[in-house]
Amino acid sequence: LMDEGVHNRTVPLILCAEEDVEGAHGASIGKISDEILLY
């Protein structure tokens, strides 16, 4: 997210009708860290 005016919606969905499965989801949402800017 580069600017204050942006809008973000993230909808990860896992539907499971079978027990013997593996599902994973994840999201990383944010700005450039101060450490990277300083670097």
PDB file of all heavy atoms in Angstrom:
ATOM      1  N   LEU A   1       0.852  -1.181   0.000  1.00  0.00           N
ATOM      2  CA  LEU A   1       0.000   0.000   0.000  1.00  0.00           C
ATOM      3  C   LEU A   1       0.891   1.236   0.000  1.00  0.00           C
ATOM      4  O   LEU A   1       1.582   1.512   0.984  1.00  0.00           O
ATOM      5  CB  LEU A   1      -0.911   0.003   1.232  1.00  0.00           C
ATOM      6  CG  LEU A   1      -1.707  -1.287   1.491  1.00  0.00           C
ATOM      7  CD1 LEU A   1      -2.516  -1.154   2.779  1.00  0.00           C
ATOM      8  CD2 LEU A   1      -2.614  -1.619   0.314  1.00  0.00           C
ATOM      9  N   MET A   2       0.864   1.982  -1.106  1.00  0.00           N
ATOM     10  CA  MET A   2       1.766   3.112  -1.252  1.00  0.00           C
ATOM     11  C   MET A   2       1.192   4.423  -0.694  1.00  0.00           C
ATOM     12  O   MET A   2       1.935   5.298  -0.288  1.00  0.00           O
ATOM     13  CB  MET A   2       2.104   3.313  -2.739  1.00  0.00           C
ATOM     14  CG  MET A   2       2.976   2.221  -3.325  1.00  0.00           C
ATOM     15  SD  MET A   2       4.672   2.358  -2.736  1.00  0.00           S
ATOM     16  CE  MET A   2       5.513   1.362  -3.974  1.00  0.00           C
ATOM     17  N   ASP A   3      -0.132   4.570  -0.721  1.00  0.00           N
ATOM     18  CA  ASP A   3      -0.744   5.846  -0.337  1.00  0.00           C
ATOM     19  C   ASP A   3      -1.924   5.632   0.590  1.00  0.00           C
ATOM     20  O   ASP A   3      -2.520   4.549   0.631  1.00  0.00           O
ATOM     21  CB  ASP A   3      -1.192   6.615  -1.592  1.00  0.00           C
ATOM     22  CG  ASP A   3      -0.029   6.993  -2.501  1.00  0.00           C
ATOM     23  OD1 ASP A   3       0.824   7.776  -2.069  1.00  0.00           O
ATOM     24  OD2 ASP A   3       0.026   6.470  -3.629  1.00  0.00           O
ATOM     25  N   GLU A   4      -2.293   6.701   1.316  1.00  0.00           N
ATOM     26  CA  GLU A   4      -3.367   6.610   2.302  1.00  0.00           C
ATOM     27  C   GLU A   4      -4.737   6.422   1.654  1.00  0.00           C
ATOM     28  O   GLU A   4      -5.646   5.896   2.273  1.00  0.00           O
ATOM     29  CB  GLU A   4      -3.384   7.880   3.162  1.00  0.00           C
ATOM     30  CG  GLU A   4      -2.141   8.085   4.012  1.00  0.00           C
ATOM     31  CD  GLU A   4      -2.013   7.054   5.114  1.00  0.00           C
ATOM     32  OE1 GLU A   4      -3.052   6.487   5.516  1.00  0.00           O
ATOM     33  OE2 GLU A   4      -0.883   6.823   5.581  1.00  0.00           O
ATOM     34  N   GLY A   5      -4.899   6.843   0.406  1.00  0.00           N
ATOM     35  CA  GLY A   5      -6.219   6.818  -0.216  1.00  0.00           C
ATOM     36  C   GLY A   5      -6.621   5.512  -0.859  1.00  0.00           C
ATOM     37  O   GLY A   5      -7.716   5.397  -1.412  1.00  0.00           O
ATOM     38  N   VAL A   6      -5.775   4.477  -0.813  1.00  0.00           N
ATOM     39  CA  VAL A   6      -6.096   3.216  -1.485  1.00  0.00           C
ATOM     40  C   VAL A   6      -7.103   2.404  -0.675  1.00  0.00           C
ATOM     41  O   VAL A   6      -7.267   2.606   0.535  1.00  0.00           O
ATOM     42  CB  VAL A   6      -4.820   2.372  -1.726  1.00  0.00           C
ATOM     43  CG1 VAL A   6      -3.816   3.135  -2.562  1.00  0.00           C
ATOM     44  CG2 VAL A   6      -4.195   1.938  -0.397  1.00  0.00           C
ATOM     45  N   HIS A   7      -7.779   1.487  -1.382  1.00  0.00           N
ATOM     46  CA  HIS A   7      -8.725   0.576  -0.729  1.00  0.00           C
ATOM     47  C   HIS A   7      -8.368  -0.851  -1.125  1.00  0.00           C
ATOM     48  O   HIS A   7      -8.257  -1.163  -2.305  1.00  0.00           O
ATOM     49  CB  HIS A   7     -10.168   0.879  -1.151  1.00  0.00           C
ATOM     50  CG  HIS A   7     -10.662   2.215  -0.707  1.00  0.00           C
ATOM     51  ND1 HIS A   7     -11.248   2.433   0.513  1.00  0.00           N
ATOM     52  CD2 HIS A   7     -10.630   3.420  -1.317  1.00  0.00           C
ATOM     53  CE1 HIS A   7     -11.572   3.699   0.638  1.00  0.00           C
ATOM     54  NE2 HIS A   7     -11.195   4.333  -0.464  1.00  0.00           N
ATOM     55  N   ASN A   8      -8.208  -1.716  -0.141  1.00  0.00           N
ATOM     56  CA  ASN A   8      -7.843  -3.106  -0.402  1.00  0.00           C
ATOM     57  C   ASN A   8      -8.797  -4.048   0.321  1.00  0.00           C
ATOM     58  O   ASN A   8      -9.103  -3.859   1.505  1.00  0.00           O
ATOM     59  CB  ASN A   8      -6.412  -3.384   0.076  1.00  0.00           C
ATOM     60  CG  ASN A   8      -6.031  -4.836  -0.121  1.00  0.00           C
ATOM     61  OD1 ASN A   8      -5.782  -5.275  -1.236  1.00  0.00           O
ATOM     62  ND2 ASN A   8      -6.007  -5.601   0.967  1.00  0.00           N
ATOM     63  N   ARG A   9      -9.266  -5.054  -0.427  1.00  0.00           N
ATOM     64  CA  ARG A   9     -10.088  -6.114   0.172  1.00  0.00           C
ATOM     65  C   ARG A   9      -9.508  -7.455  -0.256  1.00  0.00           C
ATOM     66  O   ARG A   9      -9.371  -7.716  -1.458  1.00  0.00           O
ATOM     67  CB  ARG A   9     -11.543  -6.002  -0.293  1.00  0.00           C
ATOM     68  CG  ARG A   9     -12.190  -4.655  -0.033  1.00  0.00           C
ATOM     69  CD  ARG A   9     -13.575  -4.577  -0.648  1.00  0.00           C
ATOM     70  NE  ARG A   9     -14.099  -3.221  -0.634  1.00  0.00           N
ATOM     71  CZ  ARG A   9     -13.858  -2.302  -1.556  1.00  0.00           C
ATOM     72  NH1 ARG A   9     -13.085  -2.623  -2.607  1.00  0.00           N
ATOM     73  NH2 ARG A   9     -14.364  -1.095  -1.472  1.00  0.00           N
ATOM     74  N   THR A  10      -9.194  -8.292   0.706  1.00  0.00           N
ATOM     75  CA  THR A  10      -8.647  -9.615   0.430  1.00  0.00           C
ATOM     76  C   THR A  10      -9.551 -10.660   1.067  1.00  0.00           C
ATOM     77  O   THR A  10      -9.812 -10.606   2.270  1.00  0.00           O
ATOM     78  CB  THR A  10      -7.215  -9.746   0.986  1.00  0.00           C
ATOM     79  OG1 THR A  10      -6.375  -8.782   0.343  1.00  0.00           O
ATOM     80  CG2 THR A  10      -6.656 -11.131   0.743  1.00  0.00           C
ATOM     81  N   VAL A  11     -10.056 -11.597   0.243  1.00  0.00           N
ATOM     82  CA  VAL A  11     -11.019 -12.591   0.732  1.00  0.00           C
ATOM     83  C   VAL A  11     -10.504 -13.991   0.398  1.00  0.00           C
ATOM     84  O   VAL A  11     -10.869 -14.571  -0.634  1.00  0.00           O
ATOM     85  CB  VAL A  11     -12.415 -12.376   0.117  1.00  0.00           C
ATOM     86  CG1 VAL A  11     -13.448 -13.253   0.830  1.00  0.00           C
ATOM     87  CG2 VAL A  11     -12.834 -10.925   0.166  1.00  0.00           C
ATOM     88  N   PRO A  12      -9.646 -14.566   1.242  1.00  0.00           N
ATOM     89  CA  PRO A  12      -9.232 -15.958   1.028  1.00  0.00           C
ATOM     90  C   PRO A  12     -10.291 -16.902   1.599  1.00  0.00           C
ATOM     91  O   PRO A  12     -10.768 -16.725   2.722  1.00  0.00           O
ATOM     92  CB  PRO A  12      -7.920 -16.049   1.811  1.00  0.00           C
ATOM     93  CG  PRO A  12      -8.063 -15.038   2.905  1.00  0.00           C
ATOM     94  CD  PRO A  12      -8.979 -13.951   2.392  1.00  0.00           C
ATOM     95  N   LEU A  13     -10.674 -17.906   0.815  1.00  0.00           N
ATOM     96  CA  LEU A  13     -11.752 -18.801   1.230  1.00  0.00           C
ATOM     97  C   LEU A  13     -11.358 -20.245   0.964  1.00  0.00           C
ATOM     98  O   LEU A  13     -10.896 -20.575  -0.129  1.00  0.00           O
ATOM     99  CB  LEU A  13     -13.027 -18.457   0.446  1.00  0.00           C
ATOM    100  CG  LEU A  13     -14.267 -19.328   0.669  1.00  0.00           C
ATOM    101  CD1 LEU A  13     -14.754 -19.221   2.099  1.00  0.00           C
ATOM    102  CD2 LEU A  13     -15.373 -18.939  -0.304  1.00  0.00           C
ATOM    103  N   ILE A  14     -11.518 -21.086   1.977  1.00  0.00           N
ATOM    104  CA  ILE A  14     -11.303 -22.523   1.814  1.00  0.00           C
ATOM    105  C   ILE A  14     -12.596 -23.244   2.177  1.00  0.00           C
ATOM    106  O   ILE A  14     -13.115 -23.092   3.283  1.00  0.00           O
ATOM    107  CB  ILE A  14     -10.140 -23.029   2.679  1.00  0.00           C
ATOM    108  CG1 ILE A  14      -8.822 -22.413   2.217  1.00  0.00           C
ATOM    109  CG2 ILE A  14     -10.050 -24.561   2.613  1.00  0.00           C
ATOM    110  CD1 ILE A  14      -7.605 -22.856   3.015  1.00  0.00           C
ATOM    111  N   LEU A  15     -13.122 -24.004   1.228  1.00  0.00           N
ATOM    112  CA  LEU A  15     -14.310 -24.828   1.450  1.00  0.00           C
ATOM    113  C   LEU A  15     -13.867 -26.277   1.552  1.00  0.00           C
ATOM    114  O   LEU A  15     -13.071 -26.736   0.738  1.00  0.00           O
ATOM    115  CB  LEU A  15     -15.305 -24.651   0.296  1.00  0.00           C
ATOM    116  CG  LEU A  15     -15.720 -23.212  -0.025  1.00  0.00           C
ATOM    117  CD1 LEU A  15     -16.603 -23.170  -1.263  1.00  0.00           C
ATOM    118  CD2 LEU A  15     -16.438 -22.583   1.163  1.00  0.00           C
ATOM    119  N   CYS A  16     -14.396 -26.996   2.517  1.00  0.00           N
ATOM    120  CA  CYS A  16     -13.882 -28.342   2.753  1.00  0.00           C
ATOM    121  C   CYS A  16     -15.006 -29.328   3.039  1.00  0.00           C
ATOM    122  O   CYS A  16     -15.669 -29.261   4.072  1.00  0.00           O
ATOM    123  CB  CYS A  16     -12.902 -28.314   3.925  1.00  0.00           C
ATOM    124  SG  CYS A  16     -11.934 -29.811   4.086  1.00  0.00           S
ATOM    125  N   ALA A  17     -15.216 -30.257   2.081  1.00  0.00           N
ATOM    126  CA  ALA A  17     -16.174 -31.351   2.274  1.00  0.00           C
ATOM    127  C   ALA A  17     -15.451 -32.692   2.372  1.00  0.00           C
ATOM    128  O   ALA A  17     -16.097 -33.737   2.428  1.00  0.00           O
ATOM    129  CB  ALA A  17     -17.174 -31.382   1.126  1.00  0.00           C
ATOM    130  N   GLU A  18     -14.122 -32.658   2.374  1.00  0.00           N
ATOM    131  CA  GLU A  18     -13.296 -33.862   2.461  1.00  0.00           C
ATOM    132  C   GLU A  18     -12.284 -33.667   3.597  1.00  0.00           C
ATOM    133  O   GLU A  18     -11.623 -32.631   3.686  1.00  0.00           O
ATOM    134  CB  GLU A  18     -12.563 -34.105   1.132  1.00  0.00           C
ATOM    135  CG  GLU A  18     -11.556 -35.240   1.163  1.00  0.00           C
ATOM    136  CD  GLU A  18     -12.181 -36.573   1.522  1.00  0.00           C
ATOM    137  OE1 GLU A  18     -13.189 -36.943   0.886  1.00  0.00           O
ATOM    138  OE2 GLU A  18     -11.659 -37.236   2.446  1.00  0.00           O
ATOM    139  N   GLU A  19     -12.179 -34.668   4.463  1.00  0.00           N
ATOM    140  CA  GLU A  19     -11.331 -34.527   5.645  1.00  0.00           C
ATOM    141  C   GLU A  19      -9.843 -34.677   5.333  1.00  0.00           C
ATOM    142  O   GLU A  19      -8.998 -33.966   5.890  1.00  0.00           O
ATOM    143  CB  GLU A  19     -11.733 -35.559   6.713  1.00  0.00           C
ATOM    144  CG  GLU A  19     -13.129 -35.335   7.272  1.00  0.00           C
ATOM    145  CD  GLU A  19     -13.454 -36.330   8.369  1.00  0.00           C
ATOM    146  OE1 GLU A  19     -12.575 -37.157   8.696  1.00  0.00           O
ATOM    147  OE2 GLU A  19     -14.577 -36.279   8.892  1.00  0.00           O
ATOM    148  N   ASP A  20      -9.500 -35.572   4.444  1.00  0.00           N
ATOM    149  CA  ASP A  20      -8.093 -35.915   4.227  1.00  0.00           C
ATOM    150  C   ASP A  20      -7.457 -34.999   3.181  1.00  0.00           C
ATOM    151  O   ASP A  20      -7.058 -35.419   2.097  1.00  0.00           O
ATOM    152  CB  ASP A  20      -7.993 -37.378   3.781  1.00  0.00           C
ATOM    153  CG  ASP A  20      -6.569 -37.901   3.861  1.00  0.00           C
ATOM    154  OD1 ASP A  20      -5.700 -37.203   4.412  1.00  0.00           O
ATOM    155  OD2 ASP A  20      -6.325 -39.015   3.358  1.00  0.00           O
ATOM    156  N   VAL A  21      -7.354 -33.698   3.509  1.00  0.00           N
ATOM    157  CA  VAL A  21      -6.786 -32.707   2.594  1.00  0.00           C
ATOM    158  C   VAL A  21      -5.955 -31.710   3.400  1.00  0.00           C
ATOM    159  O   VAL A  21      -6.027 -31.652   4.626  1.00  0.00           O
ATOM    160  CB  VAL A  21      -7.892 -31.948   1.817  1.00  0.00           C
ATOM    161  CG1 VAL A  21      -8.645 -32.875   0.880  1.00  0.00           C
ATOM    162  CG2 VAL A  21      -8.849 -31.245   2.775  1.00  0.00           C
ATOM    163  N   GLU A  22      -5.176 -30.910   2.680  1.00  0.00           N
ATOM    164  CA  GLU A  22      -4.398 -29.843   3.311  1.00  0.00           C
ATOM    165  C   GLU A  22      -4.632 -28.536   2.562  1.00  0.00           C
ATOM    166  O   GLU A  22      -4.394 -28.462   1.359  1.00  0.00           O
ATOM    167  CB  GLU A  22      -2.896 -30.170   3.286  1.00  0.00           C
ATOM    168  CG  GLU A  22      -2.501 -31.352   4.141  1.00  0.00           C
ATOM    169  CD  GLU A  22      -1.006 -31.581   4.122  1.00  0.00           C
ATOM    170  OE1 GLU A  22      -0.268 -30.663   3.692  1.00  0.00           O
ATOM    171  OE2 GLU A  22      -0.568 -32.671   4.520  1.00  0.00           O
ATOM    172  N   GLY A  23      -5.095 -27.523   3.289  1.00  0.00           N
ATOM    173  CA  GLY A  23      -5.329 -26.221   2.689  1.00  0.00           C
ATOM    174  C   GLY A  23      -4.736 -25.121   3.541  1.00  0.00           C
ATOM    175  O   GLY A  23      -4.747 -25.203   4.776  1.00  0.00           O
ATOM    176  N   ALA A  24      -4.192 -24.106   2.893  1.00  0.00           N
ATOM    177  CA  ALA A  24      -3.575 -22.998   3.630  1.00  0.00           C
ATOM    178  C   ALA A  24      -3.797 -21.700   2.872  1.00  0.00           C
ATOM    179  O   ALA A  24      -3.887 -21.681   1.648  1.00  0.00           O
ATOM    180  CB  ALA A  24      -2.079 -23.250   3.822  1.00  0.00           C
ATOM    181  N   HIS A  25      -3.892 -20.608   3.613  1.00  0.00           N
ATOM    182  CA  HIS A  25      -3.982 -19.304   2.982  1.00  0.00           C
ATOM    183  C   HIS A  25      -3.313 -18.269   3.883  1.00  0.00           C
ATOM    184  O   HIS A  25      -3.184 -18.456   5.093  1.00  0.00           O
ATOM    185  CB  HIS A  25      -5.438 -18.897   2.696  1.00  0.00           C
ATOM    186  CG  HIS A  25      -6.315 -18.796   3.904  1.00  0.00           C
ATOM    187  ND1 HIS A  25      -6.226 -17.765   4.816  1.00  0.00           N
ATOM    188  CD2 HIS A  25      -7.312 -19.603   4.350  1.00  0.00           C
ATOM    189  CE1 HIS A  25      -7.128 -17.936   5.761  1.00  0.00           C
ATOM    190  NE2 HIS A  25      -7.802 -19.045   5.506  1.00  0.00           N
ATOM    191  N   GLY A  26      -2.874 -17.186   3.273  1.00  0.00           N
ATOM    192  CA  GLY A  26      -2.237 -16.128   4.035  1.00  0.00           C
ATOM    193  C   GLY A  26      -2.161 -14.863   3.209  1.00  0.00           C
ATOM    194  O   GLY A  26      -2.214 -14.895   1.985  1.00  0.00           O
ATOM    195  N   ALA A  27      -2.035 -13.741   3.905  1.00  0.00           N
ATOM    196  CA  ALA A  27      -1.941 -12.450   3.219  1.00  0.00           C
ATOM    197  C   ALA A  27      -0.982 -11.549   3.979  1.00  0.00           C
ATOM    198  O   ALA A  27      -0.968 -11.523   5.213  1.00  0.00           O
ATOM    199  CB  ALA A  27      -3.310 -11.792   3.108  1.00  0.00           C
ATOM    200  N   SER A  28      -0.184 -10.833   3.215  1.00  0.00           N
ATOM    201  CA  SER A  28       0.721  -9.826   3.773  1.00  0.00           C
ATOM    202  C   SER A  28       0.336  -8.487   3.164  1.00  0.00           C
ATOM    203  O   SER A  28       0.471  -8.288   1.956  1.00  0.00           O
ATOM    204  CB  SER A  28       2.185 -10.168   3.447  1.00  0.00           C
ATOM    205  OG  SER A  28       3.049  -9.130   3.851  1.00  0.00           O
ATOM    206  N   ILE A  29      -0.152  -7.576   4.001  1.00  0.00           N
ATOM    207  CA  ILE A  29      -0.675  -6.302   3.526  1.00  0.00           C
ATOM    208  C   ILE A  29      -0.059  -5.189   4.352  1.00  0.00           C
ATOM    209  O   ILE A  29      -0.154  -5.193   5.583  1.00  0.00           O
ATOM    210  CB  ILE A  29      -2.213  -6.262   3.638  1.00  0.00           C
ATOM    211  CG1 ILE A  29      -2.847  -7.431   2.871  1.00  0.00           C
ATOM    212  CG2 ILE A  29      -2.759  -4.934   3.134  1.00  0.00           C
ATOM    213  CD1 ILE A  29      -4.312  -7.628   3.148  1.00  0.00           C
ATOM    214  N   GLY A  30       0.598  -4.237   3.698  1.00  0.00           N
ATOM    215  CA  GLY A  30       1.194  -3.145   4.450  1.00  0.00           C
ATOM    216  C   GLY A  30       2.006  -2.211   3.589  1.00  0.00           C
ATOM    217  O   GLY A  30       2.046  -2.324   2.363  1.00  0.00           O
ATOM    218  N   LYS A  31       2.660  -1.271   4.258  1.00  0.00           N
ATOM    219  CA  LYS A  31       3.475  -0.276   3.588  1.00  0.00           C
ATOM    220  C   LYS A  31       4.941  -0.703   3.602  1.00  0.00           C
ATOM    221  O   LYS A  31       5.323  -1.681   4.248  1.00  0.00           O
ATOM    222  CB  LYS A  31       3.326   1.079   4.291  1.00  0.00           C
ATOM    223  CG  LYS A  31       1.904   1.619   4.313  1.00  0.00           C
ATOM    224  CD  LYS A  31       1.840   2.949   5.034  1.00  0.00           C
ATOM    225  CE  LYS A  31       0.425   3.515   5.042  1.00  0.00           C
ATOM    226  NZ  LYS A  31       0.357   4.819   5.751  1.00  0.00           N
ATOM    227  N   ILE A  32       5.761   0.065   2.892  1.00  0.00           N
ATOM    228  CA  ILE A  32       7.202  -0.161   2.947  1.00  0.00           C
ATOM    229  C   ILE A  32       7.690   0.158   4.355  1.00  0.00           C
ATOM    230  O   ILE A  32       7.352   1.206   4.917  1.00  0.00           O
ATOM    231  CB  ILE A  32       7.933   0.729   1.919  1.00  0.00           C
ATOM    232  CG1 ILE A  32       7.444   0.438   0.504  1.00  0.00           C
ATOM    233  CG2 ILE A  32       9.433   0.511   1.994  1.00  0.00           C
ATOM    234  CD1 ILE A  32       8.012   1.359  -0.544  1.00  0.00           C
ATOM    235  N   SER A  33       8.441  -0.729   4.933  1.00  0.00           N
ATOM    236  CA  SER A  33       8.890  -0.536   6.310  1.00  0.00           C
ATOM    237  C   SER A  33       9.884   0.618   6.418  1.00  0.00           C
ATOM    238  O   SER A  33      10.575   0.962   5.449  1.00  0.00           O
ATOM    239  CB  SER A  33       9.537  -1.820   6.838  1.00  0.00           C
ATOM    240  OG  SER A  33      10.759  -2.059   6.184  1.00  0.00           O
ATOM    241  N   ASP A  34       9.955   1.204   7.604  1.00  0.00           N
ATOM    242  CA  ASP A  34      10.909   2.290   7.838  1.00  0.00           C
ATOM    243  C   ASP A  34      12.340   1.828   7.634  1.00  0.00           C
ATOM    244  O   ASP A  34      13.196   2.599   7.182  1.00  0.00           O
ATOM    245  CB  ASP A  34      10.730   2.836   9.261  1.00  0.00           C
ATOM    246  CG  ASP A  34       9.390   3.552   9.449  1.00  0.00           C
ATOM    247  OD1 ASP A  34       8.814   3.991   8.429  1.00  0.00           O
ATOM    248  OD2 ASP A  34       8.937   3.659  10.597  1.00  0.00           O
ATOM    249  N   GLU A  35      12.605   0.567   7.970  1.00  0.00           N
ATOM    250  CA  GLU A  35      13.962   0.042   7.810  1.00  0.00           C
ATOM    251  C   GLU A  35      14.387   0.006   6.345  1.00  0.00           C
ATOM    252  O   GLU A  35      15.517   0.358   6.002  1.00  0.00           O
ATOM    253  CB  GLU A  35      14.062  -1.369   8.410  1.00  0.00           C
ATOM    254  CG  GLU A  35      13.959  -1.425   9.926  1.00  0.00           C
ATOM    255  CD  GLU A  35      12.521  -1.352  10.416  1.00  0.00           C
ATOM    256  OE1 GLU A  35      11.584  -1.336   9.572  1.00  0.00           O
ATOM    257  OE2 GLU A  35      12.330  -1.281  11.649  1.00  0.00           O
ATOM    258  N   ILE A  36      13.459  -0.415   5.468  1.00  0.00           N
ATOM    259  CA  ILE A  36      13.775  -0.455   4.038  1.00  0.00           C
ATOM    260  C   ILE A  36      13.951   0.958   3.485  1.00  0.00           C
ATOM    261  O   ILE A  36      14.875   1.236   2.715  1.00  0.00           O
ATOM    262  CB  ILE A  36      12.679  -1.211   3.275  1.00  0.00           C
ATOM    263  CG1 ILE A  36      12.707  -2.699   3.646  1.00  0.00           C
ATOM    264  CG2 ILE A  36      12.858  -1.049   1.766  1.00  0.00           C
ATOM    265  CD1 ILE A  36      11.610  -3.513   3.006  1.00  0.00           C
ATOM    266  N   LEU A  37      13.064   1.876   3.905  1.00  0.00           N
ATOM    267  CA  LEU A  37      13.202   3.267   3.461  1.00  0.00           C
ATOM    268  C   LEU A  37      14.552   3.842   3.871  1.00  0.00           C
ATOM    269  O   LEU A  37      15.240   4.493   3.068  1.00  0.00           O
ATOM    270  CB  LEU A  37      12.074   4.116   4.056  1.00  0.00           C
ATOM    271  CG  LEU A  37      10.691   3.992   3.409  1.00  0.00           C
ATOM    272  CD1 LEU A  37       9.654   4.757   4.216  1.00  0.00           C
ATOM    273  CD2 LEU A  37      10.712   4.488   1.979  1.00  0.00           C
ATOM    274  N   LEU A  38      14.919   3.599   5.116  1.00  0.00           N
ATOM    275  CA  LEU A  38      16.199   4.114   5.607  1.00  0.00           C
ATOM    276  C   LEU A  38      17.363   3.515   4.846  1.00  0.00           C
ATOM    277  O   LEU A  38      18.336   4.217   4.496  1.00  0.00           O
ATOM    278  CB  LEU A  38      16.336   3.819   7.104  1.00  0.00           C
ATOM    279  CG  LEU A  38      17.644   4.290   7.764  1.00  0.00           C
ATOM    280  CD1 LEU A  38      17.766   5.813   7.651  1.00  0.00           C
ATOM    281  CD2 LEU A  38      17.689   3.861   9.223  1.00  0.00           C
ATOM    282  N   TYR A  39      17.277   2.219   4.550  1.00  0.00           N
ATOM    283  CA  TYR A  39      18.353   1.538   3.827  1.00  0.00           C
ATOM    284  C   TYR A  39      18.600   2.205   2.477  1.00  0.00           C
ATOM    285  O   TYR A  39      19.744   2.487   2.104  1.00  0.00           O
ATOM    286  CB  TYR A  39      17.991   0.063   3.640  1.00  0.00           C
ATOM    287  CG  TYR A  39      18.980  -0.714   2.789  1.00  0.00           C
ATOM    288  CD1 TYR A  39      20.124  -1.264   3.354  1.00  0.00           C
ATOM    289  CD2 TYR A  39      18.761  -0.880   1.424  1.00  0.00           C
ATOM    290  CE1 TYR A  39      21.033  -1.975   2.579  1.00  0.00           C
ATOM    291  CE2 TYR A  39      19.660  -1.584   0.639  1.00  0.00           C
ATOM    292  CZ  TYR A  39      20.801  -2.129   1.233  1.00  0.00           C
ATOM    293  OH  TYR A  39      21.701  -2.811   0.445  1.00  0.00           O
TER     294      TYR A  39
END
